[in-house]
Amino acid sequence: MLATLAASFVHPAVAPQPGDLWGAWSWDPAVLAGIALAAGLYLRGLRALWRRAGAGHGARPWQTAAYAGGLVTLFVALVSPLDALGAALFSAHMVQHMLLILVAAPLLTLGAPLLPLLWALPRRSRRRLGRWWLRSRVARPLWRLLTLPAVVWTLHALALWLWHLPSLYQAALRVDGIHALEHLSFLGTALLFWWPVVQRQGRPRLGYGAAVLYLFTMAVQGSLLGILLTFARAPWYPAYADTTAPWGLTPLEDQQLAGLVMWIPAGTIYLVAILALFAAWLRESDQSDEAELMAEPRG
């Protein structure tokens, strides 16, 4: 019985051929249900929230668009033929991971999902959850710990490096459960990583200067892994030894392309985020200066 159960989770994904790619959609019920549930609860909560507080209150239209963009990105990364192509090309698998980490995660956090998701619950359930949260001696301290910038930076960096160790990476290619855990750890730690950067209302955990350093150091360590992959003299992952030729690449060329994806496009996204923080920082500084000038007494 156990052997049969284990065998159902241990089967290498079939690498698609170029002519078969468009038909290689991954209609995983768990993935589809998760995306549909995240969308349905958000829309239900948003409708209830806007009905009570007015349209645009609690979650602005641009935040709703960002959240929708995050869900669409999850669909592209996990359901489209890109998911199947990751079994044939390391570079495609890298694109999938970068979509989860650098596109879906920041868009979902920009969507400010907590309030709409909370309002998706019945009023009595919201009150019970609120009372439990206020009284909990474990959940609140654990959340504070898991959202500390130093902690989430470390968790995210560890996920990135550990899952690219040859033993773990190849296990994820062979075993569906490990592959799902890989994706969950990338997306989960990325959501936690982007949270203190994009959620700047109230009392943010990171000032602008600290947020710039936070992103820059993550970009540097990610680029380092990309550089190691790009300039390696031999492929790291034997699983791709027989799957890259139909796509016109050798395994080493495929790995070099994957390294470039992690190094240059990913680094560019971090750079854009850093520049956006700088712009917001300067804008806030200008507004403070104007307020001080307006407050100065005139003789």
Protein backbone atom coordinates (compact mmCIF):
# COMPACT_ATOMS: atom_id res chain seq x y z
CA MET A 1 0.00 0.00 0.00
CA LEU A 2 2.73 2.45 0.99
CA ALA A 3 4.78 1.47 -2.04
CA THR A 4 1.81 2.16 -4.33
CA LEU A 5 1.16 5.52 -2.68
CA ALA A 6 4.84 6.48 -2.98
CA ALA A 7 4.94 5.42 -6.62
CA SER A 8 2.02 7.73 -7.40
CA PHE A 9 4.12 10.70 -6.30
CA VAL A 10 7.40 9.58 -7.85
CA HIS A 11 7.35 9.90 -11.61
CA PRO A 12 9.48 12.18 -13.69
CA ALA A 13 7.62 14.78 -15.69
CA VAL A 14 7.56 14.02 -19.41
CA ALA A 15 9.70 16.50 -21.32
CA PRO A 16 7.64 17.88 -24.23
CA GLN A 17 8.91 18.03 -27.78
CA PRO A 18 8.80 21.36 -29.68
CA GLY A 19 5.85 20.27 -31.80
CA ASP A 20 3.85 19.17 -28.75
CA LEU A 21 4.46 22.19 -26.52
CA TRP A 22 1.22 24.08 -27.10
CA GLY A 23 -0.79 21.09 -25.97
CA ALA A 24 1.24 20.60 -22.79
CA TRP A 25 -0.94 22.58 -20.39
CA SER A 26 -0.81 21.51 -16.75
CA TRP A 27 -4.38 21.29 -15.48
CA ASP A 28 -3.45 20.33 -11.94
CA PRO A 29 -6.69 20.45 -9.89
CA ALA A 30 -4.88 21.63 -6.76
CA VAL A 31 -3.23 24.55 -8.57
CA LEU A 32 -6.43 25.55 -10.37
CA ALA A 33 -8.46 25.30 -7.17
CA GLY A 34 -5.90 27.38 -5.27
CA ILE A 35 -5.91 30.17 -7.86
CA ALA A 36 -9.71 30.11 -8.13
CA LEU A 37 -10.10 30.20 -4.35
CA ALA A 38 -7.66 33.10 -4.00
CA ALA A 39 -9.54 35.03 -6.70
CA GLY A 40 -13.03 34.19 -5.42
CA LEU A 41 -12.36 35.08 -1.79
CA TYR A 42 -10.64 38.33 -2.75
CA LEU A 43 -13.54 39.41 -4.99
CA ARG A 44 -16.14 38.45 -2.39
CA GLY A 45 -14.30 40.33 0.34
CA LEU A 46 -13.66 43.32 -1.90
CA ARG A 47 -17.34 43.57 -2.80
CA ALA A 48 -18.37 43.42 0.87
CA LEU A 49 -15.70 45.92 1.89
CA TRP A 50 -16.56 48.44 -0.82
CA ARG A 51 -20.27 48.05 -0.13
CA ARG A 52 -19.63 48.98 3.50
CA ALA A 53 -16.85 51.58 3.20
CA GLY A 54 -17.26 52.84 -0.35
CA ALA A 55 -15.51 51.94 -3.59
CA GLY A 56 -11.76 52.34 -3.39
CA HIS A 57 -11.58 52.20 0.41
CA GLY A 58 -9.51 49.42 1.99
CA ALA A 59 -8.16 48.38 -1.40
CA ARG A 60 -7.70 50.82 -4.26
CA PRO A 61 -8.52 49.88 -7.85
CA TRP A 62 -4.83 49.76 -8.81
CA GLN A 63 -4.20 47.36 -5.92
CA THR A 64 -7.00 45.14 -7.15
CA ALA A 65 -5.43 45.20 -10.62
CA ALA A 66 -2.05 44.27 -9.12
CA TYR A 67 -3.58 41.32 -7.27
CA ALA A 68 -5.28 40.16 -10.46
CA GLY A 69 -1.96 40.46 -12.28
CA GLY A 70 -0.34 38.30 -9.63
CA LEU A 71 -2.95 35.57 -10.09
CA VAL A 72 -2.57 35.71 -13.88
CA THR A 73 1.20 35.34 -13.42
CA LEU A 74 0.64 32.28 -11.23
CA PHE A 75 -1.53 30.80 -13.98
CA VAL A 76 1.16 31.43 -16.60
CA ALA A 77 3.90 29.99 -14.39
CA LEU A 78 2.07 26.90 -13.12
CA VAL A 79 -0.60 26.02 -15.71
CA SER A 80 0.64 27.19 -19.11
CA PRO A 81 3.06 25.04 -21.20
CA LEU A 82 5.92 26.84 -19.43
CA ASP A 83 5.44 24.40 -16.54
CA ALA A 84 5.90 21.38 -18.83
CA LEU A 85 8.79 23.03 -20.66
CA GLY A 86 10.63 23.19 -17.34
CA ALA A 87 11.01 19.40 -17.56
CA ALA A 88 12.94 19.78 -20.81
CA LEU A 89 14.90 22.99 -20.24
CA PHE A 90 16.52 24.30 -17.10
CA SER A 91 16.25 27.80 -18.55
CA ALA A 92 12.44 27.47 -18.81
CA HIS A 93 12.30 26.20 -15.24
CA MET A 94 14.31 29.23 -14.18
CA VAL A 95 11.88 31.57 -15.95
CA GLN A 96 9.05 29.85 -14.08
CA HIS A 97 10.80 30.41 -10.75
CA MET A 98 11.55 34.04 -11.53
CA LEU A 99 7.88 34.61 -12.41
CA LEU A 100 6.87 33.24 -9.01
CA ILE A 101 9.48 35.20 -7.07
CA LEU A 102 9.82 38.50 -8.92
CA VAL A 103 6.44 39.03 -10.62
CA ALA A 104 3.65 37.11 -8.87
CA ALA A 105 4.84 37.69 -5.30
CA PRO A 106 5.28 41.50 -5.45
CA LEU A 107 2.02 41.92 -7.42
CA LEU A 108 0.07 39.85 -4.90
CA THR A 109 1.47 41.82 -1.97
CA LEU A 110 0.82 45.12 -3.77
CA GLY A 111 -2.80 43.98 -3.93
CA ALA A 112 -3.11 44.44 -0.12
CA PRO A 113 -5.00 41.14 0.12
CA LEU A 114 -5.38 40.75 3.89
CA LEU A 115 -8.33 43.11 4.36
CA PRO A 116 -10.40 41.87 1.39
CA LEU A 117 -9.70 38.24 2.33
CA LEU A 118 -10.78 38.95 5.90
CA TRP A 119 -13.99 40.59 4.69
CA ALA A 120 -14.73 37.49 2.63
CA LEU A 121 -15.58 35.75 5.90
CA PRO A 122 -18.99 36.07 7.56
CA ARG A 123 -19.17 38.80 10.22
CA ARG A 124 -19.29 36.33 13.10
CA SER A 125 -16.25 34.48 11.77
CA ARG A 126 -14.34 37.76 11.38
CA ARG A 127 -15.05 38.65 14.98
CA ARG A 128 -14.03 35.21 16.23
CA LEU A 129 -10.83 35.36 14.20
CA GLY A 130 -10.07 38.84 15.53
CA ARG A 131 -10.60 37.77 19.15
CA TRP A 132 -8.46 34.68 18.63
CA TRP A 133 -5.70 36.78 17.05
CA LEU A 134 -5.69 39.30 19.90
CA ARG A 135 -5.60 36.58 22.56
CA SER A 136 -3.14 34.23 20.86
CA ARG A 137 0.22 33.86 22.57
CA VAL A 138 1.73 31.96 19.65
CA ALA A 139 0.31 33.26 16.37
CA ARG A 140 1.04 36.96 16.83
CA PRO A 141 4.66 36.53 18.06
CA LEU A 142 5.26 33.97 15.31
CA TRP A 143 3.91 36.37 12.66
CA ARG A 144 6.08 39.20 14.01
CA LEU A 145 9.10 36.89 13.83
CA LEU A 146 8.31 35.65 10.32
CA THR A 147 7.86 39.20 9.03
CA LEU A 148 11.08 40.60 10.48
CA PRO A 149 13.10 41.78 7.45
CA ALA A 150 16.29 40.00 8.56
CA VAL A 151 14.40 36.74 9.07
CA VAL A 152 12.50 36.78 5.76
CA TRP A 153 15.62 37.87 3.85
CA THR A 154 17.46 34.86 5.26
CA LEU A 155 14.60 32.44 4.61
CA HIS A 156 14.22 33.60 1.03
CA ALA A 157 17.94 33.46 0.28
CA LEU A 158 18.17 29.97 1.81
CA ALA A 159 15.25 28.76 -0.31
CA LEU A 160 16.92 30.10 -3.44
CA TRP A 161 20.29 28.46 -2.79
CA LEU A 162 19.13 25.18 -1.23
CA TRP A 163 16.71 24.33 -4.04
CA HIS A 164 19.48 24.84 -6.59
CA LEU A 165 21.70 22.24 -4.95
CA PRO A 166 21.90 19.39 -7.49
CA SER A 167 20.49 16.77 -5.12
CA LEU A 168 17.41 18.79 -4.13
CA TYR A 169 16.81 20.21 -7.58
CA GLN A 170 16.85 16.80 -9.24
CA ALA A 171 14.64 15.36 -6.51
CA ALA A 172 12.10 18.09 -7.31
CA LEU A 173 12.18 17.06 -10.98
CA ARG A 174 11.53 13.41 -10.08
CA VAL A 175 8.98 13.68 -7.26
CA ASP A 176 5.79 15.68 -7.63
CA GLY A 177 5.44 16.33 -3.91
CA ILE A 178 8.95 17.73 -3.65
CA HIS A 179 8.36 19.83 -6.77
CA ALA A 180 5.23 21.31 -5.18
CA LEU A 181 7.17 22.00 -1.98
CA GLU A 182 9.86 23.76 -4.03
CA HIS A 183 7.30 26.06 -5.65
CA LEU A 184 5.53 26.71 -2.34
CA SER A 185 8.79 27.64 -0.63
CA PHE A 186 9.76 30.00 -3.45
CA LEU A 187 6.36 31.71 -3.52
CA GLY A 188 5.85 31.70 0.25
CA THR A 189 9.24 33.16 1.15
CA ALA A 190 8.94 35.65 -1.73
CA LEU A 191 5.58 36.88 -0.41
CA LEU A 192 7.12 37.38 3.01
CA PHE A 193 10.19 39.01 1.44
CA TRP A 194 8.22 41.60 -0.56
CA TRP A 195 5.73 42.37 2.22
CA PRO A 196 7.86 44.90 4.18
CA VAL A 197 8.88 46.58 0.91
CA VAL A 198 5.51 47.17 -0.74
CA GLN A 199 3.26 47.51 2.32
CA ARG A 200 4.27 50.98 3.47
CA GLN A 201 1.05 52.18 5.10
CA GLY A 202 0.92 52.72 8.85
CA ARG A 203 4.25 51.86 10.47
CA PRO A 204 6.43 50.06 7.91
CA ARG A 205 9.17 47.83 9.24
CA LEU A 206 11.66 49.22 6.74
CA GLY A 207 12.53 52.82 6.04
CA TYR A 208 13.35 53.73 2.49
CA GLY A 209 17.10 53.50 2.99
CA ALA A 210 16.86 50.12 4.69
CA ALA A 211 14.49 48.85 1.99
CA VAL A 212 16.94 49.85 -0.74
CA LEU A 213 19.74 47.94 1.05
CA TYR A 214 17.39 45.00 1.64
CA LEU A 215 16.62 44.71 -2.09
CA PHE A 216 20.17 45.42 -3.23
CA THR A 217 21.71 42.66 -1.11
CA MET A 218 19.09 40.16 -2.30
CA ALA A 219 19.81 41.16 -5.90
CA VAL A 220 23.55 40.68 -5.35
CA GLN A 221 23.27 37.18 -3.90
CA GLY A 222 20.81 36.15 -6.63
CA SER A 223 23.13 37.51 -9.30
CA LEU A 224 25.99 35.55 -7.72
CA LEU A 225 24.08 32.30 -8.15
CA GLY A 226 23.27 33.30 -11.74
CA ILE A 227 26.95 34.03 -12.43
CA LEU A 228 27.99 30.64 -11.01
CA LEU A 229 25.49 28.90 -13.28
CA THR A 230 26.52 30.95 -16.31
CA PHE A 231 30.25 30.37 -16.02
CA ALA A 232 30.20 26.77 -14.76
CA ARG A 233 32.34 24.48 -16.91
CA ALA A 234 29.96 21.54 -16.67
CA PRO A 235 26.20 21.11 -16.25
CA TRP A 236 24.99 20.85 -12.66
CA TYR A 237 21.87 18.78 -13.36
CA PRO A 238 22.20 15.45 -15.24
CA ALA A 239 18.40 15.24 -15.53
CA TYR A 240 18.58 17.61 -18.51
CA ALA A 241 21.28 15.63 -20.33
CA ASP A 242 18.85 14.06 -22.83
CA THR A 243 16.11 16.71 -23.06
CA THR A 244 17.74 19.86 -24.43
CA ALA A 245 18.84 18.66 -27.89
CA PRO A 246 15.36 18.92 -29.53
CA TRP A 247 15.37 22.59 -28.53
CA GLY A 248 18.72 23.28 -30.20
CA LEU A 249 20.72 23.57 -26.97
CA THR A 250 23.35 21.53 -25.21
CA PRO A 251 22.84 20.97 -21.47
CA LEU A 252 25.63 23.45 -20.72
CA GLU A 253 24.17 26.09 -23.03
CA ASP A 254 20.78 25.59 -21.40
CA GLN A 255 22.35 26.07 -17.97
CA GLN A 256 24.17 29.20 -19.14
CA LEU A 257 20.90 30.62 -20.42
CA ALA A 258 19.26 29.86 -17.07
CA GLY A 259 22.10 31.62 -15.28
CA LEU A 260 21.67 34.67 -17.50
CA VAL A 261 17.94 34.72 -16.70
CA MET A 262 18.69 34.77 -12.98
CA TRP A 263 21.51 37.27 -13.43
CA ILE A 264 20.26 39.95 -15.86
CA PRO A 265 16.43 40.05 -16.11
CA ALA A 266 16.05 39.26 -12.41
CA GLY A 267 18.64 41.87 -11.51
CA THR A 268 16.81 44.39 -13.69
CA ILE A 269 13.55 43.81 -11.77
CA TYR A 270 15.33 44.43 -8.47
CA LEU A 271 16.88 47.57 -9.96
CA VAL A 272 13.47 48.87 -11.04
CA ALA A 273 12.12 48.25 -7.54
CA ILE A 274 15.10 50.05 -6.01
CA LEU A 275 14.62 53.04 -8.33
CA ALA A 276 10.92 53.14 -7.45
CA LEU A 277 11.83 53.26 -3.76
CA PHE A 278 14.31 56.06 -4.42
CA ALA A 279 11.64 58.01 -6.28
CA ALA A 280 9.15 57.55 -3.43
CA TRP A 281 11.83 58.51 -0.92
CA LEU A 282 12.61 61.74 -2.79
CA ARG A 283 8.92 62.54 -3.20
CA GLU A 284 8.27 62.07 0.51
CA SER A 285 11.32 64.19 1.35
CA ASP A 286 10.09 66.99 -0.94
CA GLN A 287 6.64 66.88 0.65
CA SER A 288 8.20 67.09 4.13
CA ASP A 289 10.29 70.07 3.08
CA GLU A 290 7.22 71.82 1.66
CA ALA A 291 5.28 71.14 4.86
CA GLU A 292 8.10 72.59 6.96
CA LEU A 293 8.22 75.70 4.79
CA MET A 294 4.47 76.16 5.06
CA ALA A 295 4.67 75.76 8.84
CA GLU A 296 7.41 78.35 9.31
CA PRO A 297 6.09 81.62 10.78
CA ARG A 298 6.31 84.56 8.45
CA GLY A 299 7.64 87.86 9.71
